[in-house]
Amino acid sequence: MDHRKLGNSELMVAPIGLGCNRHLDLGDDAAAASIQKALDLGINHFDSADMYGFGAGEIFLGKALKGRRDEAVIASKFGFVRAEDGKMSFVGTPEYVREACDASLARLGLDHIDLYYQHRIDPNIAIEETWGAMVELVTAGKVGALAISNATAEQIRRAHSVHALAAVQMEYSLIERGQEAEILPLCKELGITFVAFGPLSFSLLGGEVTDIEHLPGDDHYRRGMPRFQGDNITANLARVETVKAIAAEAGASPGQIALAWTMCGAHDVIPIPGSRQSHHLEDNARAIDIQLTPDQMQRLNEAF
């Protein structure tokens, strides 16, 4: 699998990565095997965060990559803080930036994080202060490249003025198109790679979901999404029929078509679908070989 430069950095990553939000337990053999399978396939970009399992995700990833760390580009994030009462807040003070990074390094078992994101923006502090502390992490050798997640266009510009961004990460898929208005053009202008989480719209674009009851009963996160409820899921599934039709033409799965769409457009987009199952990972990886025709791209864009 060919690798490419990640935005304004020296990091080289595959055209598709692996989102590790659901990789939390090393005791889950399937999840651990998927990390090894990703490396075997040439996928080297692993995206985690300190809030995934409130540290469990980083512990899992560090152990799962033991012995193969040099093959991997490891991304993590900071910014969420959970109070004793369970309430979440966004913190970006310089003191917390340093504290969060050291804690992530300890959980990962590393002395260096390749790609470090500000996960959410602290509304009570100037973003330049947060990023000043992040630059210190680069200078200290604790972090390689810097990135930002779920930020406005103005916040991206301000962060980029402090230190060139390697990546901007937000949700993006055939169903979630909001980033096309401002964020994707801005990334193209500034030479930033856009990292797309949720590129399969949390399985909705994979062609297997037929109604909300298809989701596990304890999957409160997805079951709470409006896209899976009422008239919304009916309308979304009607649009997925176009994905299925194009998949049949291309001899591919609907998920591969949805992923190929993110990679065949005019912008530098790297999707990071999450998968705990090796066979899903293999299916996703093959999406890089699909070149959608202009007609197919147009039909997908019009359908959604």
C-alpha atoms as a PDB file:
ATOM      1  CA  MET A   1       0.000   0.000   0.000  1.00  0.00           C
ATOM      2  CA  ASP A   2       1.529   3.319  -1.071  1.00  0.00           C
ATOM      3  CA  HIS A   3       1.979   5.925   1.637  1.00  0.00           C
ATOM      4  CA  ARG A   4       1.607   9.685   1.347  1.00  0.00           C
ATOM      5  CA  LYS A   5       2.757  12.729   3.302  1.00  0.00           C
ATOM      6  CA  LEU A   6       0.328  13.847   5.981  1.00  0.00           C
ATOM      7  CA  GLY A   7      -0.336  17.551   5.488  1.00  0.00           C
ATOM      8  CA  ASN A   8       2.347  19.898   6.766  1.00  0.00           C
ATOM      9  CA  SER A   9       4.468  17.187   8.351  1.00  0.00           C
ATOM     10  CA  GLU A  10       7.039  14.552   7.500  1.00  0.00           C
ATOM     11  CA  LEU A  11       4.720  11.697   8.507  1.00  0.00           C
ATOM     12  CA  MET A  12       3.974   9.135   5.810  1.00  0.00           C
ATOM     13  CA  VAL A  13       0.633   7.389   6.067  1.00  0.00           C
ATOM     14  CA  ALA A  14      -1.514   5.007   4.047  1.00  0.00           C
ATOM     15  CA  PRO A  15      -4.510   6.398   2.104  1.00  0.00           C
ATOM     16  CA  ILE A  16      -6.795   4.852   4.734  1.00  0.00           C
ATOM     17  CA  GLY A  17      -6.320   4.618   8.488  1.00  0.00           C
ATOM     18  CA  LEU A  18      -7.894   2.836  11.432  1.00  0.00           C
ATOM     19  CA  GLY A  19     -10.093   4.620  13.948  1.00  0.00           C
ATOM     20  CA  CYS A  20      -9.533   3.011  17.358  1.00  0.00           C
ATOM     21  CA  ASN A  21     -12.438   4.478  19.330  1.00  0.00           C
ATOM     22  CA  ARG A  22     -13.896   1.005  19.877  1.00  0.00           C
ATOM     23  CA  HIS A  23     -10.568  -0.738  20.493  1.00  0.00           C
ATOM     24  CA  LEU A  24     -10.546  -0.650  24.262  1.00  0.00           C
ATOM     25  CA  ASP A  25      -9.846  -4.116  25.616  1.00  0.00           C
ATOM     26  CA  LEU A  26      -6.750  -6.155  24.839  1.00  0.00           C
ATOM     27  CA  GLY A  27      -8.681  -9.171  26.093  1.00  0.00           C
ATOM     28  CA  ASP A  28     -10.798  -8.882  22.955  1.00  0.00           C
ATOM     29  CA  ASP A  29      -8.774 -11.084  20.616  1.00  0.00           C
ATOM     30  CA  ALA A  30     -10.605  -9.834  17.520  1.00  0.00           C
ATOM     31  CA  ALA A  31      -9.778  -6.212  18.310  1.00  0.00           C
ATOM     32  CA  ALA A  32      -6.133  -7.009  18.986  1.00  0.00           C
ATOM     33  CA  ALA A  33      -5.903  -9.079  15.808  1.00  0.00           C
ATOM     34  CA  SER A  34      -7.304  -6.206  13.768  1.00  0.00           C
ATOM     35  CA  ILE A  35      -4.348  -4.014  14.759  1.00  0.00           C
ATOM     36  CA  GLN A  36      -1.892  -6.627  13.541  1.00  0.00           C
ATOM     37  CA  LYS A  37      -3.925  -7.219  10.388  1.00  0.00           C
ATOM     38  CA  ALA A  38      -3.915  -3.487   9.633  1.00  0.00           C
ATOM     39  CA  LEU A  39      -0.119  -3.423   9.728  1.00  0.00           C
ATOM     40  CA  ASP A  40       0.070  -6.527   7.549  1.00  0.00           C
ATOM     41  CA  LEU A  41      -2.169  -4.776   4.981  1.00  0.00           C
ATOM     42  CA  GLY A  42       0.020  -1.663   4.972  1.00  0.00           C
ATOM     43  CA  ILE A  43      -2.321   0.480   7.092  1.00  0.00           C
ATOM     44  CA  ASN A  44      -0.055   2.329   9.509  1.00  0.00           C
ATOM     45  CA  HIS A  45      -2.198   5.217  10.808  1.00  0.00           C
ATOM     46  CA  PHE A  46      -3.868   4.452  14.147  1.00  0.00           C
ATOM     47  CA  ASP A  47      -6.145   7.096  15.643  1.00  0.00           C
ATOM     48  CA  SER A  48      -6.875   7.120  19.372  1.00  0.00           C
ATOM     49  CA  ALA A  49      -7.586   9.658  22.142  1.00  0.00           C
ATOM     50  CA  ASP A  50      -7.248   9.946  25.891  1.00  0.00           C
ATOM     51  CA  MET A  51     -11.046   9.988  26.248  1.00  0.00           C
ATOM     52  CA  TYR A  52     -11.587   6.676  24.427  1.00  0.00           C
ATOM     53  CA  GLY A  53     -12.485   4.489  27.358  1.00  0.00           C
ATOM     54  CA  PHE A  54     -10.993   7.263  29.511  1.00  0.00           C
ATOM     55  CA  GLY A  55      -7.484   5.958  28.930  1.00  0.00           C
ATOM     56  CA  ALA A  56      -8.295   2.328  28.140  1.00  0.00           C
ATOM     57  CA  GLY A  57      -8.016   2.931  24.393  1.00  0.00           C
ATOM     58  CA  GLU A  58      -4.457   4.230  24.650  1.00  0.00           C
ATOM     59  CA  ILE A  59      -3.413   1.371  26.927  1.00  0.00           C
ATOM     60  CA  PHE A  60      -4.882  -1.102  24.445  1.00  0.00           C
ATOM     61  CA  LEU A  61      -3.200   0.489  21.433  1.00  0.00           C
ATOM     62  CA  GLY A  62       0.216   0.701  23.059  1.00  0.00           C
ATOM     63  CA  LYS A  63       0.133  -2.988  24.003  1.00  0.00           C
ATOM     64  CA  ALA A  64      -1.344  -4.097  20.675  1.00  0.00           C
ATOM     65  CA  LEU A  65       1.499  -2.392  18.780  1.00  0.00           C
ATOM     66  CA  LYS A  66       4.246  -3.709  21.027  1.00  0.00           C
ATOM     67  CA  GLY A  67       7.099  -4.992  18.898  1.00  0.00           C
ATOM     68  CA  ARG A  68       5.838  -3.187  15.771  1.00  0.00           C
ATOM     69  CA  ARG A  69       5.827   0.409  16.955  1.00  0.00           C
ATOM     70  CA  ASP A  70       8.267   1.487  14.228  1.00  0.00           C
ATOM     71  CA  GLU A  71       5.707   0.471  11.572  1.00  0.00           C
ATOM     72  CA  ALA A  72       2.993   2.697  13.012  1.00  0.00           C
ATOM     73  CA  VAL A  73       1.972   6.349  12.993  1.00  0.00           C
ATOM     74  CA  ILE A  74       0.178   6.828  16.298  1.00  0.00           C
ATOM     75  CA  ALA A  75      -2.296   9.675  16.778  1.00  0.00           C
ATOM     76  CA  SER A  76      -3.884  10.679  20.038  1.00  0.00           C
ATOM     77  CA  LYS A  77      -5.888  13.617  21.346  1.00  0.00           C
ATOM     78  CA  PHE A  78      -6.503  15.691  24.461  1.00  0.00           C
ATOM     79  CA  GLY A  79      -9.093  18.231  25.569  1.00  0.00           C
ATOM     80  CA  PHE A  80     -11.905  16.367  27.345  1.00  0.00           C
ATOM     81  CA  VAL A  81     -11.943  16.384  31.149  1.00  0.00           C
ATOM     82  CA  ARG A  82     -14.447  14.399  33.197  1.00  0.00           C
ATOM     83  CA  ALA A  83     -15.356  15.787  36.623  1.00  0.00           C
ATOM     84  CA  GLU A  84     -16.187  13.621  39.631  1.00  0.00           C
ATOM     85  CA  ASP A  85     -19.901  14.078  38.925  1.00  0.00           C
ATOM     86  CA  GLY A  86     -19.374  12.692  35.417  1.00  0.00           C
ATOM     87  CA  LYS A  87     -19.823  15.991  33.607  1.00  0.00           C
ATOM     88  CA  MET A  88     -17.492  16.684  30.694  1.00  0.00           C
ATOM     89  CA  SER A  89     -15.691  19.938  29.964  1.00  0.00           C
ATOM     90  CA  PHE A  90     -13.124  21.089  27.424  1.00  0.00           C
ATOM     91  CA  VAL A  91      -9.759  22.171  28.842  1.00  0.00           C
ATOM     92  CA  GLY A  92      -6.866  23.688  26.915  1.00  0.00           C
ATOM     93  CA  THR A  93      -4.717  25.450  29.493  1.00  0.00           C
ATOM     94  CA  PRO A  94      -0.961  25.121  28.961  1.00  0.00           C
ATOM     95  CA  GLU A  95      -0.651  23.254  32.242  1.00  0.00           C
ATOM     96  CA  TYR A  96      -3.266  20.729  31.189  1.00  0.00           C
ATOM     97  CA  VAL A  97      -1.744  20.292  27.717  1.00  0.00           C
ATOM     98  CA  ARG A  98       1.531  19.203  29.297  1.00  0.00           C
ATOM     99  CA  GLU A  99      -0.220  17.012  31.887  1.00  0.00           C
ATOM    100  CA  ALA A 100      -2.430  15.326  29.288  1.00  0.00           C
ATOM    101  CA  CYS A 101       0.481  14.571  26.964  1.00  0.00           C
ATOM    102  CA  ASP A 102       2.574  12.996  29.724  1.00  0.00           C
ATOM    103  CA  ALA A 103      -0.398  10.879  30.801  1.00  0.00           C
ATOM    104  CA  SER A 104      -1.013   9.693  27.223  1.00  0.00           C
ATOM    105  CA  LEU A 105       2.652   8.814  26.749  1.00  0.00           C
ATOM    106  CA  ALA A 106       2.556   6.745  29.943  1.00  0.00           C
ATOM    107  CA  ARG A 107      -0.588   4.872  28.906  1.00  0.00           C
ATOM    108  CA  LEU A 108       0.740   4.218  25.400  1.00  0.00           C
ATOM    109  CA  GLY A 109       4.114   3.159  26.784  1.00  0.00           C
ATOM    110  CA  LEU A 110       5.902   5.571  24.443  1.00  0.00           C
ATOM    111  CA  ASP A 111       8.298   8.480  24.631  1.00  0.00           C
ATOM    112  CA  HIS A 112       6.877  10.088  21.497  1.00  0.00           C
ATOM    113  CA  ILE A 113       3.405  10.555  19.936  1.00  0.00           C
ATOM    114  CA  ASP A 114       3.555  10.976  16.171  1.00  0.00           C
ATOM    115  CA  LEU A 115       0.411  13.094  15.740  1.00  0.00           C
ATOM    116  CA  TYR A 116      -1.197  15.024  18.601  1.00  0.00           C
ATOM    117  CA  TYR A 117      -4.636  16.614  18.310  1.00  0.00           C
ATOM    118  CA  GLN A 118      -6.490  19.210  20.261  1.00  0.00           C
ATOM    119  CA  HIS A 119      -9.712  17.196  20.448  1.00  0.00           C
ATOM    120  CA  ARG A 120     -12.064  20.000  21.483  1.00  0.00           C
ATOM    121  CA  ILE A 121     -11.551  23.717  21.913  1.00  0.00           C
ATOM    122  CA  ASP A 122     -11.553  25.271  25.376  1.00  0.00           C
ATOM    123  CA  PRO A 123     -13.988  28.235  25.165  1.00  0.00           C
ATOM    124  CA  ASN A 124     -12.339  29.956  28.144  1.00  0.00           C
ATOM    125  CA  ILE A 125      -8.820  30.391  26.767  1.00  0.00           C
ATOM    126  CA  ALA A 126      -7.327  31.804  23.586  1.00  0.00           C
ATOM    127  CA  ILE A 127      -6.456  28.987  21.220  1.00  0.00           C
ATOM    128  CA  GLU A 128      -3.028  30.576  20.723  1.00  0.00           C
ATOM    129  CA  GLU A 129      -2.204  29.810  24.379  1.00  0.00           C
ATOM    130  CA  THR A 130      -3.155  26.162  23.974  1.00  0.00           C
ATOM    131  CA  TRP A 131      -1.128  25.867  20.808  1.00  0.00           C
ATOM    132  CA  GLY A 132       1.857  27.610  22.348  1.00  0.00           C
ATOM    133  CA  ALA A 133       2.013  24.753  24.839  1.00  0.00           C
ATOM    134  CA  MET A 134       1.555  22.191  22.063  1.00  0.00           C
ATOM    135  CA  VAL A 135       4.529  23.671  20.210  1.00  0.00           C
ATOM    136  CA  GLU A 136       6.556  23.210  23.399  1.00  0.00           C
ATOM    137  CA  LEU A 137       5.735  19.498  23.229  1.00  0.00           C
ATOM    138  CA  VAL A 138       7.146  19.379  19.694  1.00  0.00           C
ATOM    139  CA  THR A 139      10.287  21.207  20.808  1.00  0.00           C
ATOM    140  CA  ALA A 140      10.689  18.789  23.723  1.00  0.00           C
ATOM    141  CA  GLY A 141      10.466  15.825  21.343  1.00  0.00           C
ATOM    142  CA  LYS A 142       7.322  14.424  22.975  1.00  0.00           C
ATOM    143  CA  VAL A 143       5.174  15.056  19.899  1.00  0.00           C
ATOM    144  CA  GLY A 144       5.920  14.977  16.176  1.00  0.00           C
ATOM    145  CA  ALA A 145       3.159  16.790  14.297  1.00  0.00           C
ATOM    146  CA  LEU A 146       0.152  18.811  15.475  1.00  0.00           C
ATOM    147  CA  ALA A 147      -3.493  18.624  14.491  1.00  0.00           C
ATOM    148  CA  ILE A 148      -6.947  19.783  15.515  1.00  0.00           C
ATOM    149  CA  SER A 149     -10.363  18.161  15.659  1.00  0.00           C
ATOM    150  CA  ASN A 150     -13.896  19.562  15.478  1.00  0.00           C
ATOM    151  CA  ALA A 151     -12.846  23.177  15.102  1.00  0.00           C
ATOM    152  CA  THR A 152     -14.282  26.111  13.181  1.00  0.00           C
ATOM    153  CA  ALA A 153     -12.550  27.580  10.141  1.00  0.00           C
ATOM    154  CA  GLU A 154     -11.441  30.578  12.228  1.00  0.00           C
ATOM    155  CA  GLN A 155      -9.988  28.338  14.937  1.00  0.00           C
ATOM    156  CA  ILE A 156      -8.128  26.293  12.347  1.00  0.00           C
ATOM    157  CA  ARG A 157      -6.578  29.441  10.872  1.00  0.00           C
ATOM    158  CA  ARG A 158      -5.547  30.702  14.297  1.00  0.00           C
ATOM    159  CA  ALA A 159      -3.981  27.395  15.301  1.00  0.00           C
ATOM    160  CA  HIS A 160      -2.206  27.139  11.943  1.00  0.00           C
ATOM    161  CA  SER A 161      -0.721  30.604  12.476  1.00  0.00           C
ATOM    162  CA  VAL A 162       1.005  29.304  15.621  1.00  0.00           C
ATOM    163  CA  HIS A 163       2.213  26.016  14.101  1.00  0.00           C
ATOM    164  CA  ALA A 164       1.491  24.434  10.731  1.00  0.00           C
ATOM    165  CA  LEU A 165      -1.204  21.785  11.007  1.00  0.00           C
ATOM    166  CA  ALA A 166      -0.674  18.287   9.707  1.00  0.00           C
ATOM    167  CA  ALA A 167      -4.346  17.324   9.922  1.00  0.00           C
ATOM    168  CA  VAL A 168      -7.869  18.436  10.685  1.00  0.00           C
ATOM    169  CA  GLN A 169     -10.222  15.691  11.826  1.00  0.00           C
ATOM    170  CA  MET A 170     -14.020  15.822  11.627  1.00  0.00           C
ATOM    171  CA  GLU A 171     -16.876  13.568  10.665  1.00  0.00           C
ATOM    172  CA  TYR A 172     -17.278  13.297   6.893  1.00  0.00           C
ATOM    173  CA  SER A 173     -19.194  10.863   4.725  1.00  0.00           C
ATOM    174  CA  LEU A 174     -21.802  10.757   1.983  1.00  0.00           C
ATOM    175  CA  ILE A 175     -24.368  11.488   4.684  1.00  0.00           C
ATOM    176  CA  GLU A 176     -22.380  14.094   6.645  1.00  0.00           C
ATOM    177  CA  ARG A 177     -21.398  16.721   4.058  1.00  0.00           C
ATOM    178  CA  GLY A 178     -21.228  19.884   6.174  1.00  0.00           C
ATOM    179  CA  GLN A 179     -17.433  20.171   5.961  1.00  0.00           C
ATOM    180  CA  GLU A 180     -17.594  20.862   2.225  1.00  0.00           C
ATOM    181  CA  ALA A 181     -18.749  24.461   2.767  1.00  0.00           C
ATOM    182  CA  GLU A 182     -15.690  25.873   4.558  1.00  0.00           C
ATOM    183  CA  ILE A 183     -13.429  23.301   6.161  1.00  0.00           C
ATOM    184  CA  LEU A 184     -12.347  21.203   3.165  1.00  0.00           C
ATOM    185  CA  PRO A 185     -11.545  24.263   1.000  1.00  0.00           C
ATOM    186  CA  LEU A 186      -9.579  25.760   3.888  1.00  0.00           C
ATOM    187  CA  CYS A 187      -7.569  22.565   4.345  1.00  0.00           C
ATOM    188  CA  LYS A 188      -6.763  22.576   0.652  1.00  0.00           C
ATOM    189  CA  GLU A 189      -5.658  26.216   0.849  1.00  0.00           C
ATOM    190  CA  LEU A 190      -3.360  25.582   3.828  1.00  0.00           C
ATOM    191  CA  GLY A 191      -1.998  22.196   2.717  1.00  0.00           C
ATOM    192  CA  ILE A 192      -3.659  20.316   5.576  1.00  0.00           C
ATOM    193  CA  THR A 193      -4.834  16.722   5.250  1.00  0.00           C
ATOM    194  CA  PHE A 194      -8.454  16.187   6.231  1.00  0.00           C
ATOM    195  CA  VAL A 195      -8.931  13.042   8.333  1.00  0.00           C
ATOM    196  CA  ALA A 196     -12.504  11.766   8.118  1.00  0.00           C
ATOM    197  CA  PHE A 197     -13.969   9.882  11.035  1.00  0.00           C
ATOM    198  CA  GLY A 198     -17.315   8.158  10.580  1.00  0.00           C
ATOM    199  CA  PRO A 199     -16.777   7.696   6.811  1.00  0.00           C
ATOM    200  CA  LEU A 200     -19.329   4.860   6.805  1.00  0.00           C
ATOM    201  CA  SER A 201     -21.743   6.948   8.867  1.00  0.00           C
ATOM    202  CA  PHE A 202     -21.359   4.511  11.761  1.00  0.00           C
ATOM    203  CA  SER A 203     -22.317   1.503   9.578  1.00  0.00           C
ATOM    204  CA  LEU A 204     -25.304   3.151   7.877  1.00  0.00           C
ATOM    205  CA  LEU A 205     -23.466   3.207   4.535  1.00  0.00           C
ATOM    206  CA  GLY A 206     -22.231  -0.368   4.768  1.00  0.00           C
ATOM    207  CA  GLY A 207     -25.431  -1.783   3.305  1.00  0.00           C
ATOM    208  CA  GLU A 208     -26.189  -4.155   6.177  1.00  0.00           C
ATOM    209  CA  VAL A 209     -28.328  -1.920   8.408  1.00  0.00           C
ATOM    210  CA  THR A 210     -32.031  -2.146   7.599  1.00  0.00           C
ATOM    211  CA  ASP A 211     -33.510  -0.411  10.657  1.00  0.00           C
ATOM    212  CA  ILE A 212     -32.497   0.783  14.102  1.00  0.00           C
ATOM    213  CA  GLU A 213     -33.142  -2.668  15.546  1.00  0.00           C
ATOM    214  CA  HIS A 214     -30.161  -3.906  13.524  1.00  0.00           C
ATOM    215  CA  LEU A 215     -27.949  -2.081  16.049  1.00  0.00           C
ATOM    216  CA  PRO A 216     -27.054  -3.805  19.323  1.00  0.00           C
ATOM    217  CA  GLY A 217     -29.490  -2.988  22.107  1.00  0.00           C
ATOM    218  CA  ASP A 218     -26.712  -1.603  24.310  1.00  0.00           C
ATOM    219  CA  ASP A 219     -25.306   0.630  21.562  1.00  0.00           C
ATOM    220  CA  HIS A 220     -26.789   3.779  23.040  1.00  0.00           C
ATOM    221  CA  TYR A 221     -24.402   6.044  21.140  1.00  0.00           C
ATOM    222  CA  ARG A 222     -25.568   5.069  17.660  1.00  0.00           C
ATOM    223  CA  ARG A 223     -29.159   4.467  18.705  1.00  0.00           C
ATOM    224  CA  GLY A 224     -29.250   8.060  19.931  1.00  0.00           C
ATOM    225  CA  MET A 225     -28.185   9.493  16.571  1.00  0.00           C
ATOM    226  CA  PRO A 226     -31.041  11.160  14.652  1.00  0.00           C
ATOM    227  CA  ARG A 227     -29.821   9.521  11.423  1.00  0.00           C
ATOM    228  CA  PHE A 228     -30.963   6.124  12.742  1.00  0.00           C
ATOM    229  CA  GLN A 229     -34.380   7.238  13.943  1.00  0.00           C
ATOM    230  CA  GLY A 230     -37.876   7.584  12.515  1.00  0.00           C
ATOM    231  CA  ASP A 231     -38.253   9.068   9.060  1.00  0.00           C
ATOM    232  CA  ASN A 232     -34.532   9.877   8.937  1.00  0.00           C
ATOM    233  CA  ILE A 233     -33.381   6.284   8.673  1.00  0.00           C
ATOM    234  CA  THR A 234     -36.025   5.591   6.036  1.00  0.00           C
ATOM    235  CA  ALA A 235     -34.752   8.507   3.931  1.00  0.00           C
ATOM    236  CA  ASN A 236     -31.104   7.588   4.485  1.00  0.00           C
ATOM    237  CA  LEU A 237     -31.606   3.949   3.546  1.00  0.00           C
ATOM    238  CA  ALA A 238     -33.363   5.026   0.350  1.00  0.00           C
ATOM    239  CA  ARG A 239     -30.215   6.943  -0.584  1.00  0.00           C
ATOM    240  CA  VAL A 240     -28.014   3.975   0.294  1.00  0.00           C
ATOM    241  CA  GLU A 241     -29.701   2.119  -2.585  1.00  0.00           C
ATOM    242  CA  THR A 242     -27.604   4.263  -4.950  1.00  0.00           C
ATOM    243  CA  VAL A 243     -24.466   3.114  -3.131  1.00  0.00           C
ATOM    244  CA  LYS A 244     -25.561  -0.502  -3.507  1.00  0.00           C
ATOM    245  CA  ALA A 245     -26.265  -0.054  -7.215  1.00  0.00           C
ATOM    246  CA  ILE A 246     -22.824   1.413  -7.869  1.00  0.00           C
ATOM    247  CA  ALA A 247     -21.254  -1.314  -5.752  1.00  0.00           C
ATOM    248  CA  ALA A 248     -22.879  -3.906  -8.004  1.00  0.00           C
ATOM    249  CA  GLU A 249     -21.467  -2.141 -11.077  1.00  0.00           C
ATOM    250  CA  ALA A 250     -17.968  -2.029  -9.604  1.00  0.00           C
ATOM    251  CA  GLY A 251     -17.973  -5.533  -8.157  1.00  0.00           C
ATOM    252  CA  ALA A 252     -17.449  -4.038  -4.715  1.00  0.00           C
ATOM    253  CA  SER A 253     -19.225  -3.805  -1.381  1.00  0.00           C
ATOM    254  CA  PRO A 254     -21.321  -0.721  -0.491  1.00  0.00           C
ATOM    255  CA  GLY A 255     -18.830   0.121   2.244  1.00  0.00           C
ATOM    256  CA  GLN A 256     -15.964   0.116  -0.235  1.00  0.00           C
ATOM    257  CA  ILE A 257     -17.885   2.493  -2.490  1.00  0.00           C
ATOM    258  CA  ALA A 258     -18.621   4.855   0.401  1.00  0.00           C
ATOM    259  CA  LEU A 259     -14.951   4.878   1.395  1.00  0.00           C
ATOM    260  CA  ALA A 260     -13.759   5.274  -2.195  1.00  0.00           C
ATOM    261  CA  TRP A 261     -16.017   8.321  -2.529  1.00  0.00           C
ATOM    262  CA  THR A 262     -14.138  10.068   0.290  1.00  0.00           C
ATOM    263  CA  MET A 263     -10.820   9.377  -1.448  1.00  0.00           C
ATOM    264  CA  CYS A 264     -11.810  10.144  -5.064  1.00  0.00           C
ATOM    265  CA  GLY A 265     -12.839  13.760  -4.638  1.00  0.00           C
ATOM    266  CA  ALA A 266     -10.920  16.986  -5.120  1.00  0.00           C
ATOM    267  CA  HIS A 267      -9.581  17.161  -1.568  1.00  0.00           C
ATOM    268  CA  ASP A 268      -6.833  15.379   0.367  1.00  0.00           C
ATOM    269  CA  VAL A 269      -9.001  13.147   2.579  1.00  0.00           C
ATOM    270  CA  ILE A 270      -7.920  10.111   4.570  1.00  0.00           C
ATOM    271  CA  PRO A 271     -10.829   8.104   5.999  1.00  0.00           C
ATOM    272  CA  ILE A 272     -10.322   6.284   9.295  1.00  0.00           C
ATOM    273  CA  PRO A 273     -13.144   3.744   9.586  1.00  0.00           C
ATOM    274  CA  GLY A 274     -13.163   1.787  12.824  1.00  0.00           C
ATOM    275  CA  SER A 275     -13.224  -1.985  12.704  1.00  0.00           C
ATOM    276  CA  ARG A 276     -12.665  -4.605  15.382  1.00  0.00           C
ATOM    277  CA  GLN A 277     -13.076  -7.453  12.899  1.00  0.00           C
ATOM    278  CA  SER A 278     -10.263  -8.455  10.549  1.00  0.00           C
ATOM    279  CA  HIS A 279     -12.588  -9.302   7.655  1.00  0.00           C
ATOM    280  CA  HIS A 280     -14.171  -5.840   7.808  1.00  0.00           C
ATOM    281  CA  LEU A 281     -10.685  -4.323   7.878  1.00  0.00           C
ATOM    282  CA  GLU A 282      -9.677  -6.253   4.774  1.00  0.00           C
ATOM    283  CA  ASP A 283     -12.837  -5.127   3.001  1.00  0.00           C
ATOM    284  CA  ASN A 284     -12.170  -1.493   3.923  1.00  0.00           C
ATOM    285  CA  ALA A 285      -8.537  -1.666   2.800  1.00  0.00           C
ATOM    286  CA  ARG A 286      -9.539  -2.789  -0.691  1.00  0.00           C
ATOM    287  CA  ALA A 287     -11.432   0.482  -1.150  1.00  0.00           C
ATOM    288  CA  ILE A 288      -8.159   2.196  -2.084  1.00  0.00           C
ATOM    289  CA  ASP A 289      -8.119   0.240  -5.355  1.00  0.00           C
ATOM    290  CA  ILE A 290     -11.525   1.525  -6.476  1.00  0.00           C
ATOM    291  CA  GLN A 291     -11.529   4.473  -8.875  1.00  0.00           C
ATOM    292  CA  LEU A 292     -15.045   5.793  -9.192  1.00  0.00           C
ATOM    293  CA  THR A 293     -15.946   7.259 -12.581  1.00  0.00           C
ATOM    294  CA  PRO A 294     -17.105  10.886 -12.887  1.00  0.00           C
ATOM    295  CA  ASP A 295     -20.606   9.568 -13.573  1.00  0.00           C
ATOM    296  CA  GLN A 296     -20.579   7.431 -10.439  1.00  0.00           C
ATOM    297  CA  MET A 297     -19.289  10.325  -8.323  1.00  0.00           C
ATOM    298  CA  GLN A 298     -22.032  12.563  -9.698  1.00  0.00           C
ATOM    299  CA  ARG A 299     -24.744  10.014  -8.963  1.00  0.00           C
ATOM    300  CA  LEU A 300     -23.519   9.593  -5.398  1.00  0.00           C
ATOM    301  CA  ASN A 301     -23.316  13.343  -4.836  1.00  0.00           C
ATOM    302  CA  GLU A 302     -26.797  13.873  -6.222  1.00  0.00           C
ATOM    303  CA  ALA A 303     -28.294  11.022  -4.210  1.00  0.00           C
ATOM    304  CA  PHE A 304     -27.008  12.519  -0.981  1.00  0.00           C
END
